[in-house]
């Protein structure tokens, strides 16, 4: 259940970012330029970096607890 909620949240954030990027291009009357395509790819990837930072923080906290309990 928790994994499904995380995937849903990731999808919602990604969809919102893609929608904003597409609306920006529509408002500027631009087509699908190379920069817009790079922005769309970034919309898919940037939430993943947030997940990696959160996981890194959890691992560091766990390792800190383990090293303190071993000492």
PDB file of N, CA and C in Angstrom:
ATOM      1  N   UNK A   1       0.818  -1.197   0.000  1.00  0.00           N
ATOM      2  CA  UNK A   1       0.000   0.000   0.000  1.00  0.00           C
ATOM      3  C   UNK A   1       0.862   1.261   0.000  1.00  0.00           C
ATOM      4  N   UNK A   2       1.928   1.244   0.831  1.00  0.00           N
ATOM      5  CA  UNK A   2       2.796   2.416   0.915  1.00  0.00           C
ATOM      6  C   UNK A   2       3.503   2.659  -0.418  1.00  0.00           C
ATOM      7  N   UNK A   3       3.946   1.587  -1.070  1.00  0.00           N
ATOM      8  CA  UNK A   3       4.644   1.740  -2.344  1.00  0.00           C
ATOM      9  C   UNK A   3       3.715   2.326  -3.404  1.00  0.00           C
ATOM     10  N   UNK A   4       2.454   1.906  -3.381  1.00  0.00           N
ATOM     11  CA  UNK A   4       1.486   2.432  -4.342  1.00  0.00           C
ATOM     12  C   UNK A   4       1.264   3.919  -4.122  1.00  0.00           C
ATOM     13  N   UNK A   5       1.231   4.346  -2.868  1.00  0.00           N
ATOM     14  CA  UNK A   5       1.047   5.773  -2.566  1.00  0.00           C
ATOM     15  C   UNK A   5       2.250   6.580  -3.037  1.00  0.00           C
ATOM     16  N   UNK A   6       3.444   6.040  -2.866  1.00  0.00           N
ATOM     17  CA  UNK A   6       4.657   6.736  -3.306  1.00  0.00           C
ATOM     18  C   UNK A   6       4.678   6.860  -4.823  1.00  0.00           C
ATOM     19  N   UNK A   7       4.332   5.773  -5.517  1.00  0.00           N
ATOM     20  CA  UNK A   7       4.307   5.807  -6.985  1.00  0.00           C
ATOM     21  C   UNK A   7       3.239   6.794  -7.467  1.00  0.00           C
ATOM     22  N   UNK A   8       2.094   6.801  -6.820  1.00  0.00           N
ATOM     23  CA  UNK A   8       1.040   7.742  -7.195  1.00  0.00           C
ATOM     24  C   UNK A   8       1.488   9.186  -6.976  1.00  0.00           C
ATOM     25  N   UNK A   9       2.121   9.461  -5.861  1.00  0.00           N
ATOM     26  CA  UNK A   9       2.606  10.809  -5.585  1.00  0.00           C
ATOM     27  C   UNK A   9       3.672  11.216  -6.602  1.00  0.00           C
ATOM     28  N   UNK A  10       4.575  10.309  -6.914  1.00  0.00           N
ATOM     29  CA  UNK A  10       5.605  10.572  -7.920  1.00  0.00           C
ATOM     30  C   UNK A  10       4.954  10.892  -9.268  1.00  0.00           C
ATOM     31  N   UNK A  11       3.957  10.103  -9.643  1.00  0.00           N
ATOM     32  CA  UNK A  11       3.258  10.328 -10.906  1.00  0.00           C
ATOM     33  C   UNK A  11       2.523  11.661 -10.941  1.00  0.00           C
ATOM     34  N   UNK A  12       1.915  12.036  -9.822  1.00  0.00           N
ATOM     35  CA  UNK A  12       1.202  13.318  -9.774  1.00  0.00           C
ATOM     36  C   UNK A  12       2.156  14.504  -9.894  1.00  0.00           C
ATOM     37  N   UNK A  13       3.273  14.428  -9.204  1.00  0.00           N
ATOM     38  CA  UNK A  13       4.260  15.514  -9.292  1.00  0.00           C
ATOM     39  C   UNK A  13       4.818  15.601 -10.703  1.00  0.00           C
ATOM     40  N   UNK A  14       5.120  14.455 -11.289  1.00  0.00           N
ATOM     41  CA  UNK A  14       5.642  14.438 -12.653  1.00  0.00           C
ATOM     42  C   UNK A  14       4.618  14.973 -13.646  1.00  0.00           C
ATOM     43  N   UNK A  15       3.376  14.565 -13.508  1.00  0.00           N
ATOM     44  CA  UNK A  15       2.322  15.033 -14.421  1.00  0.00           C
ATOM     45  C   UNK A  15       2.116  16.536 -14.292  1.00  0.00           C
ATOM     46  N   UNK A  16       2.169  17.053 -13.080  1.00  0.00           N
ATOM     47  CA  UNK A  16       2.016  18.497 -12.889  1.00  0.00           C
ATOM     48  C   UNK A  16       3.171  19.253 -13.536  1.00  0.00           C
ATOM     49  N   UNK A  17       4.391  18.751 -13.379  1.00  0.00           N
ATOM     50  CA  UNK A  17       5.551  19.417 -13.978  1.00  0.00           C
ATOM     51  C   UNK A  17       5.485  19.371 -15.502  1.00  0.00           C
ATOM     52  N   UNK A  18       5.065  18.240 -16.051  1.00  0.00           N
ATOM     53  CA  UNK A  18       4.936  18.133 -17.507  1.00  0.00           C
ATOM     54  C   UNK A  18       3.845  19.071 -18.016  1.00  0.00           C
ATOM     55  N   UNK A  19       2.736  19.157 -17.293  1.00  0.00           N
ATOM     56  CA  UNK A  19       1.643  20.053 -17.709  1.00  0.00           C
ATOM     57  C   UNK A  19       2.098  21.498 -17.722  1.00  0.00           C
ATOM     58  N   UNK A  20       2.834  21.914 -16.709  1.00  0.00           N
ATOM     59  CA  UNK A  20       3.322  23.294 -16.668  1.00  0.00           C
ATOM     60  C   UNK A  20       4.288  23.554 -17.814  1.00  0.00           C
ATOM     61  N   UNK A  21       5.167  22.594 -18.097  1.00  0.00           N
ATOM     62  CA  UNK A  21       6.115  22.749 -19.201  1.00  0.00           C
ATOM     63  C   UNK A  21       5.396  22.845 -20.540  1.00  0.00           C
ATOM     64  N   UNK A  22       4.391  22.010 -20.749  1.00  0.00           N
ATOM     65  CA  UNK A  22       3.639  22.060 -22.002  1.00  0.00           C
ATOM     66  C   UNK A  22       2.829  23.356 -22.124  1.00  0.00           C
ATOM     67  N   UNK A  23       2.230  23.814 -21.032  1.00  0.00           N
ATOM     68  CA  UNK A  23       1.466  25.065 -21.064  1.00  0.00           C
ATOM     69  C   UNK A  23       2.368  26.258 -21.333  1.00  0.00           C
ATOM     70  N   UNK A  24       3.575  26.226 -20.814  1.00  0.00           N
ATOM     71  CA  UNK A  24       4.522  27.302 -21.079  1.00  0.00           C
ATOM     72  C   UNK A  24       4.844  27.371 -22.573  1.00  0.00           C
ATOM     73  N   UNK A  25       5.068  26.228 -23.189  1.00  0.00           N
ATOM     74  CA  UNK A  25       5.337  26.195 -24.626  1.00  0.00           C
ATOM     75  C   UNK A  25       4.140  26.639 -25.436  1.00  0.00           C
ATOM     76  N   UNK A  26       2.950  26.254 -24.993  1.00  0.00           N
ATOM     77  CA  UNK A  26       1.736  26.665 -25.691  1.00  0.00           C
ATOM     78  C   UNK A  26       1.524  28.181 -25.583  1.00  0.00           C
ATOM     79  N   UNK A  27       1.787  28.737 -24.405  1.00  0.00           N
ATOM     80  CA  UNK A  27       1.609  30.175 -24.203  1.00  0.00           C
ATOM     81  C   UNK A  27       2.602  30.980 -25.026  1.00  0.00           C
ATOM     82  N   UNK A  28       3.793  30.446 -25.244  1.00  0.00           N
ATOM     83  CA  UNK A  28       4.812  31.143 -26.034  1.00  0.00           C
ATOM     84  C   UNK A  28       4.697  30.832 -27.526  1.00  0.00           C
ATOM     85  N   UNK A  29       3.727  30.029 -27.905  1.00  0.00           N
ATOM     86  CA  UNK A  29       3.506  29.623 -29.292  1.00  0.00           C
ATOM     87  C   UNK A  29       4.739  28.938 -29.871  1.00  0.00           C
ATOM     88  N   UNK A  30       5.426  28.180 -29.015  1.00  0.00           N
ATOM     89  CA  UNK A  30       6.585  27.408 -29.462  1.00  0.00           C
ATOM     90  C   UNK A  30       6.151  25.984 -29.747  1.00  0.00           C
ATOM     91  N   UNK A  31       6.852  25.375 -30.651  1.00  0.00           N
ATOM     92  CA  UNK A  31       6.617  23.960 -30.901  1.00  0.00           C
ATOM     93  C   UNK A  31       7.429  23.127 -29.915  1.00  0.00           C
ATOM     94  N   UNK A  32       7.691  21.913 -30.278  1.00  0.00           N
ATOM     95  CA  UNK A  32       8.492  21.026 -29.445  1.00  0.00           C
ATOM     96  C   UNK A  32       9.958  21.238 -29.810  1.00  0.00           C
ATOM     97  N   UNK A  33      10.600  22.185 -29.122  1.00  0.00           N
ATOM     98  CA  UNK A  33      12.006  22.485 -29.383  1.00  0.00           C
ATOM     99  C   UNK A  33      12.884  21.533 -28.584  1.00  0.00           C
ATOM    100  N   UNK A  34      14.170  21.597 -28.845  1.00  0.00           N
ATOM    101  CA  UNK A  34      15.115  20.759 -28.118  1.00  0.00           C
ATOM    102  C   UNK A  34      15.107  21.102 -26.629  1.00  0.00           C
ATOM    103  N   UNK A  35      15.018  22.390 -26.305  1.00  0.00           N
ATOM    104  CA  UNK A  35      14.975  22.805 -24.905  1.00  0.00           C
ATOM    105  C   UNK A  35      13.688  22.327 -24.221  1.00  0.00           C
ATOM    106  N   UNK A  36      12.586  22.366 -24.927  1.00  0.00           N
ATOM    107  CA  UNK A  36      11.327  21.898 -24.347  1.00  0.00           C
ATOM    108  C   UNK A  36      11.377  20.383 -24.128  1.00  0.00           C
ATOM    109  N   UNK A  37      11.957  19.663 -25.062  1.00  0.00           N
ATOM    110  CA  UNK A  37      12.110  18.222 -24.902  1.00  0.00           C
ATOM    111  C   UNK A  37      13.013  17.896 -23.706  1.00  0.00           C
ATOM    112  N   UNK A  38      14.092  18.645 -23.548  1.00  0.00           N
ATOM    113  CA  UNK A  38      14.966  18.448 -22.385  1.00  0.00           C
ATOM    114  C   UNK A  38      14.208  18.759 -21.100  1.00  0.00           C
ATOM    115  N   UNK A  39      13.347  19.765 -21.125  1.00  0.00           N
ATOM    116  CA  UNK A  39      12.537  20.087 -19.953  1.00  0.00           C
ATOM    117  C   UNK A  39      11.558  18.974 -19.616  1.00  0.00           C
ATOM    118  N   UNK A  40      10.978  18.354 -20.620  1.00  0.00           N
ATOM    119  CA  UNK A  40      10.058  17.245 -20.382  1.00  0.00           C
ATOM    120  C   UNK A  40      10.782  16.036 -19.785  1.00  0.00           C
ATOM    121  N   UNK A  41      11.977  15.777 -20.272  1.00  0.00           N
ATOM    122  CA  UNK A  41      12.763  14.681 -19.699  1.00  0.00           C
ATOM    123  C   UNK A  41      13.149  15.007 -18.260  1.00  0.00           C
ATOM    124  N   UNK A  42      13.500  16.263 -18.004  1.00  0.00           N
ATOM    125  CA  UNK A  42      13.836  16.669 -16.635  1.00  0.00           C
ATOM    126  C   UNK A  42      12.635  16.525 -15.710  1.00  0.00           C
ATOM    127  N   UNK A  43      11.427  16.763 -16.222  1.00  0.00           N
ATOM    128  CA  UNK A  43      10.220  16.587 -15.413  1.00  0.00           C
ATOM    129  C   UNK A  43      10.077  15.148 -14.946  1.00  0.00           C
ATOM    130  N   UNK A  44      10.522  14.222 -15.771  1.00  0.00           N
ATOM    131  CA  UNK A  44      10.432  12.813 -15.394  1.00  0.00           C
ATOM    132  C   UNK A  44      11.506  12.420 -14.390  1.00  0.00           C
ATOM    133  N   UNK A  45      12.656  13.083 -14.432  1.00  0.00           N
ATOM    134  CA  UNK A  45      13.793  12.653 -13.630  1.00  0.00           C
ATOM    135  C   UNK A  45      13.971  13.397 -12.313  1.00  0.00           C
ATOM    136  N   UNK A  46      13.537  14.663 -12.213  1.00  0.00           N
ATOM    137  CA  UNK A  46      13.865  15.412 -10.993  1.00  0.00           C
ATOM    138  C   UNK A  46      13.213  14.851  -9.744  1.00  0.00           C
ATOM    139  N   UNK A  47      11.999  14.284  -9.790  1.00  0.00           N
ATOM    140  CA  UNK A  47      11.492  13.694  -8.546  1.00  0.00           C
ATOM    141  C   UNK A  47      12.334  12.499  -8.095  1.00  0.00           C
ATOM    142  N   UNK A  48      12.970  11.827  -9.032  1.00  0.00           N
ATOM    143  CA  UNK A  48      13.823  10.697  -8.680  1.00  0.00           C
ATOM    144  C   UNK A  48      15.016  11.159  -7.851  1.00  0.00           C
ATOM    145  N   UNK A  49      15.571  12.321  -8.163  1.00  0.00           N
ATOM    146  CA  UNK A  49      16.685  12.838  -7.362  1.00  0.00           C
ATOM    147  C   UNK A  49      16.222  13.170  -5.953  1.00  0.00           C
ATOM    148  N   UNK A  50      15.009  13.648  -5.807  1.00  0.00           N
ATOM    149  CA  UNK A  50      14.464  13.912  -4.471  1.00  0.00           C
ATOM    150  C   UNK A  50      14.353  12.613  -3.679  1.00  0.00           C
ATOM    151  N   UNK A  51      13.888  11.566  -4.323  1.00  0.00           N
ATOM    152  CA  UNK A  51      13.785  10.264  -3.669  1.00  0.00           C
ATOM    153  C   UNK A  51      15.172   9.776  -3.244  1.00  0.00           C
ATOM    154  N   UNK A  52      16.180   9.963  -4.097  1.00  0.00           N
ATOM    155  CA  UNK A  52      17.530   9.535  -3.753  1.00  0.00           C
ATOM    156  C   UNK A  52      18.077  10.302  -2.555  1.00  0.00           C
ATOM    157  N   UNK A  53      17.800  11.605  -2.471  1.00  0.00           N
ATOM    158  CA  UNK A  53      18.246  12.383  -1.315  1.00  0.00           C
ATOM    159  C   UNK A  53      17.568  11.906  -0.034  1.00  0.00           C
ATOM    160  N   UNK A  54      16.295  11.601  -0.091  1.00  0.00           N
ATOM    161  CA  UNK A  54      15.580  11.110   1.085  1.00  0.00           C
ATOM    162  C   UNK A  54      16.137   9.756   1.514  1.00  0.00           C
ATOM    163  N   UNK A  55      16.349   8.860   0.552  1.00  0.00           N
ATOM    164  CA  UNK A  55      16.915   7.555   0.882  1.00  0.00           C
ATOM    165  C   UNK A  55      18.324   7.685   1.451  1.00  0.00           C
ATOM    166  N   UNK A  56      19.101   8.591   0.918  1.00  0.00           N
ATOM    167  CA  UNK A  56      20.451   8.817   1.436  1.00  0.00           C
ATOM    168  C   UNK A  56      20.387   9.270   2.892  1.00  0.00           C
ATOM    169  N   UNK A  57      19.480  10.180   3.197  1.00  0.00           N
ATOM    170  CA  UNK A  57      19.318  10.628   4.576  1.00  0.00           C
ATOM    171  C   UNK A  57      18.914   9.500   5.503  1.00  0.00           C
ATOM    172  N   UNK A  58      18.037   8.622   5.048  1.00  0.00           N
ATOM    173  CA  UNK A  58      17.608   7.482   5.869  1.00  0.00           C
ATOM    174  C   UNK A  58      18.757   6.521   6.117  1.00  0.00           C
ATOM    175  N   UNK A  59      19.549   6.253   5.102  1.00  0.00           N
ATOM    176  CA  UNK A  59      20.682   5.329   5.247  1.00  0.00           C
ATOM    177  C   UNK A  59      21.727   5.920   6.192  1.00  0.00           C
ATOM    178  N   UNK A  60      22.023   7.207   6.055  1.00  0.00           N
ATOM    179  CA  UNK A  60      23.000   7.839   6.931  1.00  0.00           C
ATOM    180  C   UNK A  60      22.522   7.809   8.375  1.00  0.00           C
ATOM    181  N   UNK A  61      21.243   8.080   8.588  1.00  0.00           N
ATOM    182  CA  UNK A  61      20.688   8.048   9.945  1.00  0.00           C
ATOM    183  C   UNK A  61      20.777   6.627  10.522  1.00  0.00           C
ATOM    184  N   UNK A  62      20.470   5.630   9.716  1.00  0.00           N
ATOM    185  CA  UNK A  62      20.540   4.246  10.174  1.00  0.00           C
ATOM    186  C   UNK A  62      21.974   3.854  10.504  1.00  0.00           C
ATOM    187  N   UNK A  63      22.912   4.216   9.651  1.00  0.00           N
ATOM    188  CA  UNK A  63      24.314   3.889   9.908  1.00  0.00           C
ATOM    189  C   UNK A  63      24.837   4.593  11.149  1.00  0.00           C
ATOM    190  N   UNK A  64      24.388   5.822  11.378  1.00  0.00           N
ATOM    191  CA  UNK A  64      24.792   6.549  12.577  1.00  0.00           C
ATOM    192  C   UNK A  64      24.282   5.847  13.828  1.00  0.00           C
ATOM    193  N   UNK A  65      23.036   5.409  13.819  1.00  0.00           N
ATOM    194  CA  UNK A  65      22.479   4.678  14.958  1.00  0.00           C
ATOM    195  C   UNK A  65      23.226   3.368  15.200  1.00  0.00           C
ATOM    196  N   UNK A  66      23.518   2.656  14.120  1.00  0.00           N
ATOM    197  CA  UNK A  66      24.221   1.388  14.253  1.00  0.00           C
ATOM    198  C   UNK A  66      25.634   1.574  14.804  1.00  0.00           C
ATOM    199  N   UNK A  67      26.316   2.624  14.357  1.00  0.00           N
ATOM    200  CA  UNK A  67      27.682   2.843  14.831  1.00  0.00           C
ATOM    201  C   UNK A  67      27.689   3.284  16.294  1.00  0.00           C
ATOM    202  N   UNK A  68      26.679   4.031  16.726  1.00  0.00           N
ATOM    203  CA  UNK A  68      26.595   4.446  18.133  1.00  0.00           C
ATOM    204  C   UNK A  68      26.251   3.275  19.037  1.00  0.00           C
ATOM    205  N   UNK A  69      25.401   2.368  18.560  1.00  0.00           N
ATOM    206  CA  UNK A  69      25.024   1.232  19.406  1.00  0.00           C
ATOM    207  C   UNK A  69      26.149   0.206  19.501  1.00  0.00           C
ATOM    208  N   UNK A  70      27.012   0.148  18.507  1.00  0.00           N
ATOM    209  CA  UNK A  70      28.136  -0.783  18.521  1.00  0.00           C
ATOM    210  C   UNK A  70      29.258  -0.287  19.438  1.00  0.00           C
ATOM    211  N   UNK A  71      29.339   1.011  19.656  1.00  0.00           N
ATOM    212  CA  UNK A  71      30.430   1.579  20.460  1.00  0.00           C
ATOM    213  C   UNK A  71      30.174   1.451  21.943  1.00  0.00           C
TER     214      UNK A  71
END
